[in-house]
Amino acid sequence: MCLRLPESQAAELAAVARTDEVKISEGVREAIDGHIAARRSDPDFQKRRRRRLEDEHAILERLVGR
């Protein structure tokens, strides 16, 4: 996976990582973990996720002729 950031955001991320004495990739992974955890506990997101799964399931059922 490749992640492209604006220069200013990349510079800030690097500064935070240096200050925390961690690799940039570790800081990014922690941020992603936090983002996913927030989504898991967000009822609106969960509602949208269920609706998306139902829609995808219906499409796949049509594809196999059920």
N, C-alpha and C. Protein backbone atom coordinates (compact mmCIF):
# COMPACT_ATOMS: atom_id res chain seq x y z
N MET A 1 0.85 -1.17 0.00
CA MET A 1 0.00 0.00 0.00
C MET A 1 0.89 1.23 0.00
N CYS A 2 0.45 2.20 -0.73
CA CYS A 2 1.18 3.46 -0.81
C CYS A 2 0.24 4.57 -0.34
N LEU A 3 0.77 5.46 0.46
CA LEU A 3 -0.03 6.56 0.98
C LEU A 3 0.63 7.88 0.58
N ARG A 4 -0.10 8.70 -0.13
CA ARG A 4 0.43 10.00 -0.54
C ARG A 4 -0.22 11.08 0.33
N LEU A 5 0.63 11.92 0.89
CA LEU A 5 0.16 13.00 1.75
C LEU A 5 0.66 14.33 1.22
N PRO A 6 -0.09 15.39 1.48
CA PRO A 6 0.44 16.72 1.17
C PRO A 6 1.72 16.95 1.98
N GLU A 7 2.62 17.73 1.42
CA GLU A 7 3.91 17.97 2.08
C GLU A 7 3.76 18.43 3.53
N SER A 8 2.84 19.34 3.76
CA SER A 8 2.69 19.88 5.12
C SER A 8 2.23 18.78 6.09
N GLN A 9 1.32 17.93 5.65
CA GLN A 9 0.83 16.86 6.52
C GLN A 9 1.94 15.83 6.75
N ALA A 10 2.72 15.51 5.72
CA ALA A 10 3.82 14.57 5.86
C ALA A 10 4.87 15.11 6.84
N ALA A 11 5.13 16.41 6.77
CA ALA A 11 6.11 17.02 7.67
C ALA A 11 5.62 16.97 9.12
N GLU A 12 4.34 17.25 9.31
CA GLU A 12 3.77 17.20 10.67
C GLU A 12 3.78 15.77 11.20
N LEU A 13 3.43 14.81 10.35
CA LEU A 13 3.44 13.42 10.76
C LEU A 13 4.85 12.99 11.16
N ALA A 14 5.84 13.38 10.38
CA ALA A 14 7.23 13.04 10.69
C ALA A 14 7.66 13.67 12.01
N ALA A 15 7.26 14.91 12.24
CA ALA A 15 7.62 15.59 13.49
C ALA A 15 6.98 14.89 14.69
N VAL A 16 5.72 14.50 14.55
CA VAL A 16 5.04 13.78 15.65
C VAL A 16 5.74 12.46 15.91
N ALA A 17 6.07 11.73 14.85
CA ALA A 17 6.74 10.44 15.01
C ALA A 17 8.10 10.60 15.71
N ARG A 18 8.86 11.60 15.29
CA ARG A 18 10.16 11.84 15.95
C ARG A 18 9.97 12.18 17.42
N THR A 19 8.98 13.01 17.71
CA THR A 19 8.73 13.41 19.10
C THR A 19 8.31 12.21 19.94
N ASP A 20 7.49 11.34 19.36
CA ASP A 20 7.03 10.14 20.06
C ASP A 20 8.06 9.01 20.01
N GLU A 21 9.15 9.25 19.26
CA GLU A 21 10.22 8.26 19.09
C GLU A 21 9.69 6.94 18.55
N VAL A 22 8.87 7.05 17.50
CA VAL A 22 8.35 5.87 16.81
C VAL A 22 8.56 6.08 15.31
N LYS A 23 8.49 4.99 14.57
CA LYS A 23 8.57 5.10 13.12
C LYS A 23 7.26 5.69 12.61
N ILE A 24 7.35 6.38 11.49
CA ILE A 24 6.15 6.97 10.89
C ILE A 24 5.10 5.90 10.64
N SER A 25 5.52 4.74 10.14
CA SER A 25 4.57 3.67 9.85
C SER A 25 3.83 3.22 11.11
N GLU A 26 4.50 3.22 12.24
CA GLU A 26 3.84 2.84 13.49
C GLU A 26 2.77 3.87 13.87
N GLY A 27 3.10 5.14 13.71
CA GLY A 27 2.13 6.19 13.99
C GLY A 27 0.92 6.11 13.07
N VAL A 28 1.17 5.80 11.81
CA VAL A 28 0.07 5.66 10.85
C VAL A 28 -0.81 4.48 11.23
N ARG A 29 -0.19 3.34 11.57
CA ARG A 29 -0.97 2.16 11.98
C ARG A 29 -1.83 2.46 13.21
N GLU A 30 -1.25 3.18 14.18
CA GLU A 30 -2.03 3.54 15.38
C GLU A 30 -3.21 4.43 15.02
N ALA A 31 -3.00 5.37 14.12
CA ALA A 31 -4.08 6.27 13.69
C ALA A 31 -5.18 5.48 12.97
N ILE A 32 -4.77 4.54 12.13
CA ILE A 32 -5.75 3.71 11.42
C ILE A 32 -6.52 2.85 12.40
N ASP A 33 -5.82 2.26 13.37
CA ASP A 33 -6.50 1.46 14.39
C ASP A 33 -7.54 2.30 15.13
N GLY A 34 -7.18 3.53 15.47
CA GLY A 34 -8.11 4.43 16.15
C GLY A 34 -9.31 4.77 15.28
N HIS A 35 -9.07 4.98 14.01
CA HIS A 35 -10.15 5.30 13.07
C HIS A 35 -11.12 4.12 12.95
N ILE A 36 -10.58 2.93 12.80
CA ILE A 36 -11.43 1.74 12.69
C ILE A 36 -12.21 1.51 13.99
N ALA A 37 -11.57 1.68 15.13
CA ALA A 37 -12.25 1.51 16.41
C ALA A 37 -13.40 2.50 16.56
N ALA A 38 -13.17 3.73 16.12
CA ALA A 38 -14.23 4.74 16.20
C ALA A 38 -15.41 4.35 15.32
N ARG A 39 -15.13 3.81 14.15
CA ARG A 39 -16.21 3.38 13.25
C ARG A 39 -16.98 2.22 13.84
N ARG A 40 -16.28 1.29 14.46
CA ARG A 40 -16.95 0.13 15.06
C ARG A 40 -17.95 0.54 16.13
N SER A 41 -17.68 1.63 16.81
CA SER A 41 -18.57 2.06 17.89
C SER A 41 -19.55 3.15 17.45
N ASP A 42 -19.57 3.48 16.17
CA ASP A 42 -20.45 4.51 15.63
C ASP A 42 -21.72 3.86 15.09
N PRO A 43 -22.87 4.07 15.75
CA PRO A 43 -24.12 3.42 15.32
C PRO A 43 -24.52 3.80 13.89
N ASP A 44 -24.31 5.04 13.49
CA ASP A 44 -24.65 5.45 12.13
C ASP A 44 -23.81 4.72 11.09
N PHE A 45 -22.53 4.57 11.38
CA PHE A 45 -21.66 3.83 10.48
C PHE A 45 -22.11 2.38 10.38
N GLN A 46 -22.42 1.79 11.52
CA GLN A 46 -22.85 0.39 11.53
C GLN A 46 -24.14 0.19 10.72
N LYS A 47 -25.02 1.16 10.82
CA LYS A 47 -26.27 1.10 10.05
C LYS A 47 -25.95 1.14 8.54
N ARG A 48 -25.07 2.04 8.14
CA ARG A 48 -24.67 2.13 6.73
C ARG A 48 -23.96 0.87 6.27
N ARG A 49 -23.13 0.31 7.15
CA ARG A 49 -22.39 -0.92 6.81
C ARG A 49 -23.36 -2.07 6.58
N ARG A 50 -24.36 -2.22 7.47
CA ARG A 50 -25.35 -3.28 7.29
C ARG A 50 -26.13 -3.10 5.99
N ARG A 51 -26.52 -1.87 5.69
CA ARG A 51 -27.25 -1.59 4.45
C ARG A 51 -26.38 -1.94 3.23
N ARG A 52 -25.11 -1.59 3.29
CA ARG A 52 -24.18 -1.90 2.19
C ARG A 52 -24.06 -3.41 2.02
N LEU A 53 -23.94 -4.14 3.12
CA LEU A 53 -23.83 -5.60 3.03
C LEU A 53 -25.09 -6.21 2.42
N GLU A 54 -26.23 -5.71 2.82
CA GLU A 54 -27.49 -6.20 2.25
C GLU A 54 -27.56 -5.93 0.75
N ASP A 55 -27.17 -4.74 0.34
CA ASP A 55 -27.16 -4.40 -1.09
C ASP A 55 -26.20 -5.31 -1.86
N GLU A 56 -25.01 -5.50 -1.33
CA GLU A 56 -24.02 -6.35 -2.00
C GLU A 56 -24.51 -7.79 -2.07
N HIS A 57 -25.12 -8.27 -1.01
CA HIS A 57 -25.64 -9.63 -0.99
C HIS A 57 -26.70 -9.82 -2.08
N ALA A 58 -27.59 -8.85 -2.20
CA ALA A 58 -28.64 -8.93 -3.21
C ALA A 58 -28.03 -8.96 -4.62
N ILE A 59 -27.01 -8.16 -4.86
CA ILE A 59 -26.34 -8.15 -6.17
C ILE A 59 -25.69 -9.50 -6.44
N LEU A 60 -24.99 -10.04 -5.46
CA LEU A 60 -24.34 -11.33 -5.65
C LEU A 60 -25.35 -12.44 -5.88
N GLU A 61 -26.48 -12.39 -5.19
CA GLU A 61 -27.53 -13.39 -5.40
C GLU A 61 -28.04 -13.34 -6.84
N ARG A 62 -28.21 -12.14 -7.37
CA ARG A 62 -28.64 -11.99 -8.77
C ARG A 62 -27.62 -12.55 -9.74
N LEU A 63 -26.34 -12.35 -9.42
CA LEU A 63 -25.28 -12.84 -10.29
C LEU A 63 -25.26 -14.37 -10.40
N VAL A 64 -25.61 -15.04 -9.30
CA VAL A 64 -25.61 -16.51 -9.33
C VAL A 64 -26.97 -17.06 -9.72
N GLY A 65 -27.91 -16.17 -10.02
CA GLY A 65 -29.21 -16.59 -10.52
C GLY A 65 -30.17 -17.10 -9.47
N ARG A 66 -30.08 -16.59 -8.28
CA ARG A 66 -31.01 -17.00 -7.22
C ARG A 66 -32.12 -16.02 -7.07
